Amino acid sequence: MTKERLYLFDTTLRDGAQTSGIDFSVDEKIAITALLERLGVDYIEGGYPGANPTDTQFFSQKRTKKATFTAFGMTKRAGRSIGNDPGVQMVLQSAADATCYVAKSWDYHVDVALKCTNEENLESIADTVKASIAAGKEAMIDCEHFFDGYKANPDYALACAQTAFEAGARWVVLCDTNGGTLPNEVTEIVTAVKQVVPGAHLGIHAHDDTGHAVANTLAAVVAGVRQVQGTLNGIGERCGNANMITLIPNMLLKKPYCNLVELGIKVEDLTELTAISRGFDEILNRSSNVHAPYVGANAFATKAGIHASAILKNPDTYEHIPPELVGNQRRVLVSDQAGKSNLVNELKRLGVEADKADPRLDRLLAEVKELEAQGFAYEAADASFELLARRRLHSVPDYFDVLSFRTGVERRYNALGERVTVSDAVVKVEVDGETIMSVAEGNGPVNALDLALRKDLGKYQSLIADLELIDYKVRILNGGTSAITRVLIESQNTKTGKRWFTVGVSENIVDASFQALVDSIRYCIFKANELETV
């Protein structure tokens, strides 16, 4: 049996951005795009250019290397031409490769929300699709409220889908916008839609309001759709969207899906899954769900008792898949081999040579586990991890030694009589036996430390000229007055565009921040030296 291609459409940056408490910056969108490219999705929907300054800036240039860069918008308003609809034009003029326009497919919404006739709505759908194709972009239509619309008026819902397809839409996506549809209904309705739109042009967009978003998506795949939409870790409005992190291994590892369709992602790529999921949570500055399927810290954990006894004899007794397939590990172990496999895979991804038989790997693994128990999070701080690994397995100099640092915060009145808060920092380093002391003022103590540390590093100064700190996140790991603080810093080389994350952990927030700053600068110097020796 020949497998059909199934396409993965990620809408984390658009639909996921509607999650309560989440508000992506442009830099965060860029970092998440890199994660999604690493995951291997086919489409990345980056937002709605023209709807807000962040999305407009994000779409000012192409942000993907492999995935189809997709912009979201709304079909043209009734009574207007394509040229006179600013919303449509902003999408068409963006740097996107493809467009995904949302269209009403429930006649109730056409009347109440759009206040136009059913025929005018169909005309808007057709005109918008044709305009997208004329602009050289792949055209998609999200049929909003499709399942509710079909239940209320099947003929009109089908007309909306058919109109989009006949106008040239590559994909017609059936949306369970309110999230109230159940799997048996999805199967029935998708089967009906296939009478007017081929399954190879149909997609599914499911919300999780009944806890069935993943199940509904899988039901739609069996029924014939060949594009699935979802978000990282299932974020989204209200109860969230279909969880892409759960969908992907289900379709690659479970029957009938693995026999029915093929993805652009291979089974061997799944070893990245856990690190990507947890790395995304770090960008969001939130704790990962330890009970998440496949990637949660407890997904393959077994307490003492008959389960643990059995799993130690044969893991197949209580594991539906080997955890290392998805980059995770079991919590009850006879040895640390599963952990070592994860470590070797991560080292390979980072370009660090390592022999699995090298006894230094055992010591590195033990050290990583100890540091993570203290609060370090290397899934999201690959630069800090790479430095640590290279120090233990090869030879990476520190380049400079920090002898001391001091920072202060002062509130005072300036010359205009305005009350201001000023931070300053003093950093003393040693480079090749020479002591260098630098002083700087900044916007807060961490910024002052950053400026002082990078002010003069002797012979390495030219190597950090293009270094820029672009994001800074703080998380309190436990309560009380002596709480452990984890700081995650994102930096970039403004010349090459390369980004990296470093981490610091301490009871003192300034000390944790300084640890991450020092790692970032050392990583920058190491990579610059690495390029010079190639």
Protein backbone atom coordinates (compact mmCIF):
# COMPACT_ATOMS: atom_id res chain seq x y z
CA MET A 1 0.00 0.00 0.00
CA THR A 2 1.40 3.38 -1.06
CA LYS A 3 1.46 5.95 1.72
CA GLU A 4 0.02 9.39 1.08
CA ARG A 5 1.89 12.52 2.14
CA LEU A 6 0.52 14.26 5.24
CA TYR A 7 1.49 17.91 5.77
CA LEU A 8 2.06 19.51 9.17
CA PHE A 9 0.83 23.07 9.57
CA ASP A 10 1.95 24.74 12.80
CA THR A 11 -0.04 27.71 14.08
CA THR A 12 1.75 28.28 17.40
CA LEU A 13 2.73 31.83 16.45
CA ARG A 14 -0.79 32.80 15.41
CA ASP A 15 -3.50 30.69 17.05
CA GLY A 16 -1.21 29.80 19.94
CA ALA A 17 -0.62 33.50 20.55
CA GLN A 18 -4.27 33.74 21.64
CA THR A 19 -3.43 31.74 24.77
CA SER A 20 -4.20 33.65 27.95
CA GLY A 21 -0.98 35.07 29.40
CA ILE A 22 1.10 34.62 26.23
CA ASP A 23 2.27 37.60 24.20
CA PHE A 24 5.11 36.85 21.79
CA SER A 25 7.74 39.44 20.94
CA VAL A 26 9.38 39.47 17.49
CA ASP A 27 12.53 37.94 18.98
CA GLU A 28 10.52 35.18 20.63
CA LYS A 29 8.76 34.46 17.33
CA ILE A 30 12.13 34.16 15.63
CA ALA A 31 13.39 31.76 18.32
CA ILE A 32 10.21 29.65 18.13
CA THR A 33 10.46 29.55 14.33
CA ALA A 34 13.92 28.03 14.72
CA LEU A 35 12.45 25.36 17.04
CA LEU A 36 9.70 24.59 14.53
CA GLU A 37 12.23 24.27 11.70
CA ARG A 38 14.21 21.92 13.92
CA LEU A 39 11.03 19.90 14.48
CA GLY A 40 10.47 19.69 10.72
CA VAL A 41 6.93 21.01 10.16
CA ASP A 42 5.89 21.86 6.61
CA TYR A 43 4.12 25.18 7.25
CA ILE A 44 4.75 27.84 9.88
CA GLU A 45 1.91 30.31 10.30
CA GLY A 46 3.61 33.35 11.77
CA GLY A 47 0.70 35.65 12.52
CA TYR A 48 -1.47 38.31 10.92
CA PRO A 49 0.52 41.09 9.20
CA GLY A 50 -1.24 44.40 9.63
CA ALA A 51 -3.16 43.33 12.72
CA ASN A 52 -0.47 44.50 15.15
CA PRO A 53 3.07 45.95 15.00
CA THR A 54 4.71 42.70 16.12
CA ASP A 55 3.24 40.60 13.32
CA THR A 56 3.82 43.33 10.76
CA GLN A 57 7.50 43.49 11.69
CA PHE A 58 7.79 39.71 11.77
CA PHE A 59 6.51 39.51 8.19
CA SER A 60 8.79 42.29 6.93
CA GLN A 61 11.21 39.56 5.82
CA LYS A 62 11.13 35.83 5.29
CA ARG A 63 11.78 34.01 8.57
CA THR A 64 11.97 30.35 7.49
CA LYS A 65 14.64 28.33 5.72
CA LYS A 66 12.74 25.13 4.93
CA ALA A 67 9.12 25.47 6.03
CA THR A 68 6.56 27.39 3.98
CA PHE A 69 6.28 30.82 5.64
CA THR A 70 2.55 31.47 5.99
CA ALA A 71 0.58 34.63 6.78
CA PHE A 72 -2.91 34.64 8.26
CA GLY A 73 -5.66 37.04 7.24
CA MET A 74 -9.39 37.44 6.66
CA THR A 75 -11.18 37.15 3.35
CA LYS A 76 -12.11 40.44 1.78
CA ARG A 77 -15.05 42.31 3.17
CA ALA A 78 -18.29 42.26 1.19
CA GLY A 79 -18.85 45.35 -0.93
CA ARG A 80 -15.14 46.04 -1.37
CA SER A 81 -12.68 45.09 -4.06
CA ILE A 82 -9.48 43.23 -3.25
CA GLY A 83 -7.50 46.42 -3.90
CA ASN A 84 -9.62 48.40 -1.43
CA ASP A 85 -9.33 45.94 1.44
CA PRO A 86 -6.29 46.93 3.56
CA GLY A 87 -6.36 43.69 5.56
CA VAL A 88 -6.12 41.51 2.47
CA GLN A 89 -3.44 43.73 0.96
CA MET A 90 -1.19 43.63 4.02
CA VAL A 91 -1.12 39.85 3.78
CA LEU A 92 -0.52 39.85 0.03
CA GLN A 93 2.33 42.36 0.37
CA SER A 94 4.05 40.49 3.21
CA ALA A 95 7.14 38.31 2.85
CA ALA A 96 5.02 35.17 3.24
CA ASP A 97 5.22 32.27 0.79
CA ALA A 98 1.61 31.27 1.46
CA THR A 99 -1.58 32.81 2.78
CA CYS A 100 -4.20 31.28 5.04
CA TYR A 101 -7.37 33.37 4.99
CA VAL A 102 -10.16 32.65 7.45
CA ALA A 103 -13.64 32.49 5.94
CA LYS A 104 -17.04 32.17 7.58
CA SER A 105 -18.64 28.84 6.73
CA TRP A 106 -21.58 28.96 9.16
CA ASP A 107 -24.46 30.94 7.70
CA TYR A 108 -25.35 32.16 11.19
CA HIS A 109 -21.99 33.94 11.42
CA VAL A 110 -22.30 35.30 7.90
CA ASP A 111 -25.51 37.03 8.97
CA VAL A 112 -24.53 38.10 12.51
CA ALA A 113 -20.79 38.83 12.20
CA LEU A 114 -20.31 39.79 8.54
CA LYS A 115 -23.79 41.24 8.01
CA CYS A 116 -23.79 40.23 4.37
CA THR A 117 -25.59 37.68 2.23
CA ASN A 118 -24.48 34.09 1.85
CA GLU A 119 -23.73 34.74 -1.82
CA GLU A 120 -21.55 37.76 -1.01
CA ASN A 121 -19.54 35.64 1.41
CA LEU A 122 -18.94 33.01 -1.28
CA GLU A 123 -17.81 35.76 -3.66
CA SER A 124 -15.37 37.06 -1.03
CA ILE A 125 -13.90 33.58 -0.59
CA ALA A 126 -13.36 33.11 -4.33
CA ASP A 127 -11.94 36.60 -4.91
CA THR A 128 -9.50 36.29 -2.00
CA VAL A 129 -8.17 32.93 -3.16
CA LYS A 130 -7.67 34.20 -6.70
CA ALA A 131 -5.89 37.32 -5.43
CA SER A 132 -3.48 35.22 -3.38
CA ILE A 133 -2.63 33.03 -6.35
CA ALA A 134 -2.19 36.12 -8.56
CA ALA A 135 0.27 37.47 -5.99
CA GLY A 136 2.35 34.31 -6.37
CA LYS A 137 1.43 32.82 -3.01
CA GLU A 138 0.04 29.43 -2.12
CA ALA A 139 -3.58 29.92 -1.12
CA MET A 140 -5.37 28.34 1.82
CA ILE A 141 -8.78 28.91 3.33
CA ASP A 142 -9.61 28.20 6.98
CA CYS A 143 -13.33 27.44 7.02
CA GLU A 144 -14.15 28.86 10.45
CA HIS A 145 -16.86 27.11 12.50
CA PHE A 146 -17.11 24.55 9.73
CA PHE A 147 -18.40 21.64 11.84
CA ASP A 148 -21.01 23.74 13.63
CA GLY A 149 -21.92 25.30 10.30
CA TYR A 150 -22.31 21.90 8.68
CA LYS A 151 -24.61 20.71 11.46
CA ALA A 152 -26.77 23.82 11.03
CA ASN A 153 -26.75 24.09 7.24
CA PRO A 154 -24.71 21.37 5.48
CA ASP A 155 -25.39 22.66 1.99
CA TYR A 156 -23.96 26.11 2.72
CA ALA A 157 -20.92 24.83 4.63
CA LEU A 158 -20.12 22.53 1.71
CA ALA A 159 -20.61 25.43 -0.71
CA CYS A 160 -17.98 27.47 1.16
CA ALA A 161 -15.45 24.63 0.98
CA GLN A 162 -16.22 23.88 -2.66
CA THR A 163 -16.00 27.56 -3.64
CA ALA A 164 -12.53 27.87 -2.10
CA PHE A 165 -11.30 24.72 -3.84
CA GLU A 166 -12.73 25.64 -7.25
CA ALA A 167 -11.15 29.10 -6.98
CA GLY A 168 -7.77 27.39 -6.69
CA ALA A 169 -7.08 26.98 -2.97
CA ARG A 170 -4.31 24.46 -2.34
CA TRP A 171 -5.83 23.66 1.05
CA VAL A 172 -9.36 23.94 2.41
CA VAL A 173 -9.11 23.58 6.18
CA LEU A 174 -12.11 22.43 8.23
CA CYS A 175 -12.06 24.23 11.58
CA ASP A 176 -13.72 23.06 14.78
CA THR A 177 -13.50 26.61 16.10
CA ASN A 178 -15.66 26.11 19.20
CA GLY A 179 -14.05 22.74 19.92
CA GLY A 180 -17.32 20.96 20.58
CA THR A 181 -17.20 18.29 17.88
CA LEU A 182 -16.50 14.64 18.71
CA PRO A 183 -14.46 12.09 16.69
CA ASN A 184 -17.43 10.20 15.25
CA GLU A 185 -18.87 13.48 13.97
CA VAL A 186 -15.52 14.46 12.44
CA THR A 187 -15.38 11.17 10.56
CA GLU A 188 -18.91 11.59 9.23
CA ILE A 189 -18.52 15.22 8.17
CA VAL A 190 -15.07 14.85 6.57
CA THR A 191 -16.43 11.93 4.55
CA ALA A 192 -19.24 14.18 3.29
CA VAL A 193 -16.86 17.03 2.42
CA LYS A 194 -14.73 14.70 0.33
CA GLN A 195 -17.63 14.53 -2.12
CA VAL A 196 -16.90 18.14 -3.14
CA VAL A 197 -13.21 18.63 -2.16
CA PRO A 198 -10.60 15.87 -2.58
CA GLY A 199 -8.98 14.69 0.64
CA ALA A 200 -5.55 15.64 -0.75
CA HIS A 201 -6.71 19.27 -0.49
CA LEU A 202 -8.40 19.06 2.91
CA GLY A 203 -7.00 20.06 6.31
CA ILE A 204 -8.22 19.85 9.91
CA HIS A 205 -7.95 22.49 12.63
CA ALA A 206 -9.17 21.20 16.01
CA HIS A 207 -9.61 22.89 19.39
CA ASP A 208 -9.53 20.97 22.66
CA ASP A 209 -12.66 22.15 24.46
CA THR A 210 -13.89 18.58 24.94
CA GLY A 211 -10.40 17.13 25.30
CA HIS A 212 -10.63 15.59 21.83
CA ALA A 213 -8.42 17.85 19.67
CA VAL A 214 -5.80 15.17 19.03
CA ALA A 215 -8.43 12.43 18.66
CA ASN A 216 -10.46 14.58 16.25
CA THR A 217 -7.36 15.29 14.18
CA LEU A 218 -6.47 11.60 13.97
CA ALA A 219 -10.07 10.75 13.03
CA ALA A 220 -9.89 13.33 10.23
CA VAL A 221 -6.66 11.79 8.93
CA VAL A 222 -8.26 8.34 8.72
CA ALA A 223 -11.27 9.94 7.01
CA GLY A 224 -8.98 11.42 4.37
CA VAL A 225 -7.61 14.89 5.23
CA ARG A 226 -3.96 15.39 4.35
CA GLN A 227 -3.06 18.52 6.28
CA VAL A 228 -3.22 18.76 10.06
CA GLN A 229 -2.93 21.97 12.05
CA GLY A 230 -1.72 22.22 15.62
CA THR A 231 0.50 24.05 18.08
CA LEU A 232 3.55 23.27 20.18
CA ASN A 233 2.46 21.72 23.48
CA GLY A 234 -1.16 22.31 22.51
CA ILE A 235 -1.29 26.00 23.47
CA GLY A 236 -4.18 28.05 22.15
CA GLU A 237 -7.32 29.96 22.97
CA ARG A 238 -9.50 28.65 25.84
CA CYS A 239 -8.54 24.97 26.25
CA GLY A 240 -5.91 24.99 23.51
CA ASN A 241 -5.38 23.46 20.08
CA ALA A 242 -4.39 20.02 18.85
CA ASN A 243 -0.98 19.30 20.36
CA MET A 244 1.59 18.92 17.58
CA ILE A 245 4.04 17.31 20.01
CA THR A 246 1.52 14.51 20.63
CA LEU A 247 0.23 14.26 17.06
CA ILE A 248 3.60 13.72 15.41
CA PRO A 249 4.70 10.59 17.30
CA ASN A 250 1.18 9.18 17.11
CA MET A 251 1.27 9.41 13.33
CA LEU A 252 4.82 8.12 13.01
CA LEU A 253 4.66 5.28 15.53
CA LYS A 254 1.04 4.14 15.80
CA LYS A 255 -1.18 2.15 13.45
CA PRO A 256 -3.07 2.75 11.26
CA TYR A 257 -1.49 6.21 10.80
CA CYS A 258 2.10 5.06 10.24
CA ASN A 259 0.87 2.68 7.52
CA LEU A 260 -1.50 5.22 5.99
CA VAL A 261 0.54 8.42 5.66
CA GLU A 262 4.12 9.63 5.56
CA LEU A 263 5.42 12.89 7.02
CA GLY A 264 8.32 15.15 6.21
CA ILE A 265 9.61 14.03 9.62
CA LYS A 266 11.24 10.61 10.02
CA VAL A 267 11.07 8.32 13.05
CA GLU A 268 14.73 8.99 13.80
CA ASP A 269 13.96 12.73 14.05
CA LEU A 270 11.73 12.08 17.07
CA THR A 271 14.76 12.04 19.38
CA GLU A 272 14.55 15.85 19.28
CA LEU A 273 10.91 15.91 20.42
CA THR A 274 11.36 16.17 24.19
CA ALA A 275 14.08 18.81 23.96
CA ILE A 276 11.96 20.91 21.56
CA SER A 277 8.88 20.68 23.78
CA ARG A 278 10.78 21.69 26.91
CA GLY A 279 12.79 24.32 25.09
CA PHE A 280 9.53 25.93 23.97
CA ASP A 281 8.29 26.03 27.56
CA GLU A 282 11.51 27.77 28.57
CA ILE A 283 10.91 30.44 25.92
CA LEU A 284 7.43 30.88 27.40
CA ASN A 285 9.08 31.03 30.87
CA ARG A 286 6.78 28.37 32.28
CA SER A 287 7.16 24.93 33.79
CA SER A 288 6.73 21.96 31.45
CA ASN A 289 3.79 19.61 31.98
CA VAL A 290 5.42 16.62 33.66
CA HIS A 291 2.46 14.44 32.65
CA ALA A 292 2.48 15.38 28.95
CA PRO A 293 2.26 12.38 26.61
CA TYR A 294 5.60 11.24 25.17
CA VAL A 295 7.68 14.21 26.42
CA GLY A 296 6.64 14.77 30.05
CA ALA A 297 9.15 14.03 32.81
CA ASN A 298 6.68 11.46 34.15
CA ALA A 299 5.63 10.04 30.79
CA PHE A 300 7.85 7.01 31.40
CA ALA A 301 8.09 7.15 35.20
CA THR A 302 7.14 4.15 37.34
CA LYS A 303 6.87 4.05 41.12
CA ALA A 304 8.09 1.19 43.27
CA GLY A 305 5.96 -1.96 43.30
CA ILE A 306 4.94 -4.58 40.81
CA HIS A 307 5.09 -2.11 37.90
CA ALA A 308 8.65 -1.13 38.72
CA SER A 309 9.66 -4.75 39.26
CA ALA A 310 8.25 -5.73 35.87
CA ILE A 311 9.70 -2.78 33.99
CA LEU A 312 13.16 -3.52 35.34
CA LYS A 313 12.88 -7.03 33.92
CA ASN A 314 11.45 -5.93 30.60
CA PRO A 315 10.50 -2.29 29.80
CA ASP A 316 7.87 -3.48 27.30
CA THR A 317 5.68 -4.58 30.21
CA TYR A 318 4.66 -1.00 31.07
CA GLU A 319 5.92 1.20 28.21
CA HIS A 320 4.01 1.66 24.96
CA ILE A 321 7.22 2.81 23.20
CA PRO A 322 10.89 3.01 24.21
CA PRO A 323 11.27 6.51 25.70
CA GLU A 324 14.53 7.19 23.86
CA LEU A 325 12.58 7.18 20.58
CA VAL A 326 11.20 10.59 21.54
CA GLY A 327 14.28 11.83 23.39
CA ASN A 328 12.82 11.05 26.81
CA GLN A 329 13.98 8.54 29.42
CA ARG A 330 12.44 6.23 31.96
CA ARG A 331 12.65 7.14 35.60
CA VAL A 332 13.26 3.60 36.88
CA LEU A 333 16.52 2.38 35.39
CA VAL A 334 18.76 -0.64 35.64
CA SER A 335 21.53 1.49 34.11
CA ASP A 336 21.95 4.93 32.67
CA GLN A 337 22.21 3.75 29.05
CA ALA A 338 18.97 5.45 27.96
CA GLY A 339 20.23 8.71 29.43
CA LYS A 340 23.56 8.24 27.68
CA SER A 341 21.83 7.70 24.33
CA ASN A 342 20.03 11.02 24.72
CA LEU A 343 23.32 12.66 25.60
CA VAL A 344 25.11 11.23 22.58
CA ASN A 345 22.29 12.36 20.26
CA GLU A 346 22.42 15.90 21.63
CA LEU A 347 26.19 16.02 21.29
CA LYS A 348 25.88 14.87 17.69
CA ARG A 349 23.36 17.62 16.96
CA LEU A 350 25.74 20.21 18.38
CA GLY A 351 28.69 18.86 16.41
CA VAL A 352 30.57 17.58 19.46
CA GLU A 353 32.49 14.39 18.73
CA ALA A 354 31.86 11.64 21.27
CA ASP A 355 32.34 7.89 21.43
CA LYS A 356 29.55 6.16 23.36
CA ALA A 357 32.19 3.90 24.96
CA ASP A 358 34.15 6.89 26.30
CA PRO A 359 34.00 6.70 30.14
CA ARG A 360 34.03 10.49 30.27
CA LEU A 361 30.46 10.40 28.94
CA ASP A 362 29.34 8.71 32.16
CA ARG A 363 30.92 11.46 34.21
CA LEU A 364 29.40 14.15 31.98
CA LEU A 365 25.97 12.54 32.24
CA ALA A 366 26.21 12.37 36.03
CA GLU A 367 27.28 16.01 36.16
CA VAL A 368 24.44 17.13 33.91
CA LYS A 369 21.91 15.28 36.06
CA GLU A 370 23.35 16.84 39.21
CA LEU A 371 23.28 20.33 37.74
CA GLU A 372 19.71 19.89 36.47
CA ALA A 373 18.72 18.76 39.97
CA GLN A 374 20.07 22.11 41.17
CA GLY A 375 17.87 23.95 38.65
CA PHE A 376 19.86 24.18 35.43
CA ALA A 377 17.79 23.54 32.29
CA TYR A 378 20.03 22.48 29.42
CA GLU A 379 17.17 21.62 27.04
CA ALA A 380 16.69 25.35 26.59
CA ALA A 381 20.34 26.44 27.02
CA ASP A 382 22.22 24.61 24.31
CA ALA A 383 25.18 27.02 24.38
CA SER A 384 25.80 26.44 28.10
CA PHE A 385 25.46 22.70 27.54
CA GLU A 386 27.85 22.71 24.59
CA LEU A 387 30.51 24.58 26.59
CA LEU A 388 30.15 22.16 29.50
CA ALA A 389 30.37 19.11 27.22
CA ARG A 390 33.37 20.39 25.29
CA ARG A 391 35.21 21.16 28.52
CA ARG A 392 34.66 17.63 29.79
CA LEU A 393 35.29 15.77 26.51
CA HIS A 394 37.78 17.97 24.69
CA SER A 395 39.51 21.21 25.57
CA VAL A 396 37.85 24.61 25.64
CA PRO A 397 39.64 27.48 27.38
CA ASP A 398 37.77 29.92 29.61
CA TYR A 399 39.52 32.76 27.69
CA PHE A 400 39.21 35.05 30.72
CA ASP A 401 38.83 34.70 34.47
CA VAL A 402 36.38 36.83 36.42
CA LEU A 403 38.19 38.02 39.53
CA SER A 404 35.27 39.98 40.98
CA PHE A 405 32.15 41.93 40.11
CA ARG A 406 30.00 44.44 41.91
CA THR A 407 26.76 46.15 41.01
CA GLY A 408 24.59 48.76 42.66
CA VAL A 409 21.25 50.48 42.20
CA GLU A 410 20.70 54.10 43.18
CA ARG A 411 17.53 56.17 43.12
CA ARG A 412 18.19 59.88 42.87
CA TYR A 413 17.07 63.14 41.26
CA ASN A 414 18.69 64.19 38.02
CA ALA A 415 19.56 67.73 36.89
CA LEU A 416 15.96 68.29 35.79
CA GLY A 417 14.60 67.38 39.20
CA GLU A 418 13.20 64.08 37.93
CA ARG A 419 13.46 60.98 40.09
CA VAL A 420 15.49 58.33 38.27
CA THR A 421 16.92 54.91 39.12
CA VAL A 422 20.49 54.31 37.98
CA SER A 423 22.45 51.05 37.99
CA ASP A 424 26.20 50.71 37.75
CA ALA A 425 28.58 47.78 37.71
CA VAL A 426 32.29 47.13 38.16
CA VAL A 427 33.82 43.97 36.69
CA LYS A 428 37.44 42.85 37.15
CA VAL A 429 38.77 40.17 34.79
CA GLU A 430 42.12 38.62 34.01
CA VAL A 431 43.16 37.99 30.39
CA ASP A 432 46.54 36.32 29.78
CA GLY A 433 47.82 37.44 33.16
CA GLU A 434 46.65 41.03 32.70
CA THR A 435 44.06 42.44 35.09
CA ILE A 436 41.38 44.61 33.46
CA MET A 437 38.73 46.53 35.37
CA SER A 438 35.71 48.01 33.62
CA VAL A 439 32.88 50.22 34.87
CA ALA A 440 29.51 50.82 33.20
CA GLU A 441 26.05 52.22 33.85
CA GLY A 442 23.00 50.47 32.52
CA ASN A 443 19.26 50.06 32.52
CA GLY A 444 19.21 47.83 35.58
CA PRO A 445 21.99 45.83 37.26
CA VAL A 446 22.08 43.02 34.69
CA ASN A 447 22.40 45.42 31.77
CA ALA A 448 25.14 47.31 33.66
CA LEU A 449 27.03 44.05 34.27
CA ASP A 450 26.64 43.06 30.64
CA LEU A 451 28.04 46.38 29.43
CA ALA A 452 30.91 46.36 31.93
CA LEU A 453 31.89 42.76 31.16
CA ARG A 454 31.98 43.39 27.40
CA LYS A 455 33.71 46.75 27.67
CA ASP A 456 37.26 45.39 27.56
CA LEU A 457 38.30 41.77 27.17
CA GLY A 458 41.73 42.51 25.77
CA LYS A 459 42.65 40.47 22.72
CA TYR A 460 39.16 38.95 22.56
CA GLN A 461 37.36 42.28 22.26
CA SER A 462 37.04 42.17 18.48
CA LEU A 463 35.45 38.72 18.67
CA ILE A 464 32.49 39.98 20.70
CA ALA A 465 31.91 43.21 18.77
CA ASP A 466 28.72 41.83 17.20
CA LEU A 467 27.36 40.20 20.37
CA GLU A 468 23.96 41.40 21.53
CA LEU A 469 21.79 40.30 24.46
CA ILE A 470 18.23 40.09 23.11
CA ASP A 471 16.16 38.36 25.79
CA TYR A 472 16.29 37.71 29.51
CA LYS A 473 13.98 35.49 31.53
CA VAL A 474 13.85 34.79 35.26
CA ARG A 475 12.10 31.90 36.98
CA ILE A 476 11.83 31.25 40.70
CA LEU A 477 12.21 27.49 41.16
CA ASN A 478 11.02 27.22 44.75
CA GLY A 479 9.43 29.38 47.42
CA GLY A 480 10.77 31.06 50.52
CA THR A 481 13.25 33.84 51.16
CA SER A 482 16.19 31.77 49.87
CA ALA A 483 14.48 30.75 46.63
CA ILE A 484 16.60 29.31 43.83
CA THR A 485 16.49 31.50 40.73
CA ARG A 486 17.11 30.36 37.17
CA VAL A 487 18.02 32.93 34.54
CA LEU A 488 17.85 32.17 30.82
CA ILE A 489 19.55 34.60 28.45
CA GLU A 490 19.23 34.67 24.68
CA SER A 491 22.05 36.28 22.72
CA GLN A 492 22.82 36.72 19.07
CA ASN A 493 25.60 37.63 16.69
CA THR A 494 24.14 40.62 14.85
CA LYS A 495 26.44 40.00 11.89
CA THR A 496 25.64 36.31 11.29
CA GLY A 497 22.17 36.21 12.89
CA LYS A 498 23.11 33.12 14.94
CA ARG A 499 21.28 32.91 18.28
CA TRP A 500 22.04 30.93 21.41
CA PHE A 501 20.77 30.43 24.95
CA THR A 502 22.74 30.28 28.19
CA VAL A 503 21.62 29.57 31.75
CA GLY A 504 22.61 30.48 35.29
CA VAL A 505 21.26 29.28 38.64
CA SER A 506 21.78 30.78 42.08
CA GLU A 507 19.98 31.94 45.21
CA ASN A 508 21.01 35.43 44.06
CA ILE A 509 19.34 36.69 40.89
CA VAL A 510 22.31 38.90 39.96
CA ASP A 511 24.74 36.01 40.38
CA ALA A 512 22.56 33.73 38.25
CA SER A 513 22.37 36.42 35.60
CA PHE A 514 26.12 36.92 35.62
CA GLN A 515 26.71 33.17 35.17
CA ALA A 516 24.55 33.20 32.04
CA LEU A 517 26.27 36.37 30.75
CA VAL A 518 29.73 34.88 31.17
CA ASP A 519 28.69 31.68 29.38
CA SER A 520 27.23 33.72 26.51
CA ILE A 521 30.45 35.68 25.99
CA ARG A 522 32.67 32.60 26.22
CA TYR A 523 30.45 30.80 23.72
CA CYS A 524 30.67 33.77 21.35
CA ILE A 525 34.48 33.77 21.56
CA PHE A 526 34.64 29.99 21.10
CA LYS A 527 32.47 30.07 17.97
CA ALA A 528 34.46 32.98 16.53
CA ASN A 529 37.73 31.10 17.09
CA GLU A 530 36.17 27.96 15.63
CA LEU A 531 35.34 29.81 12.42
CA GLU A 532 38.87 31.21 12.16
CA THR A 533 40.37 27.72 12.35
CA VAL A 534 38.08 26.18 9.73
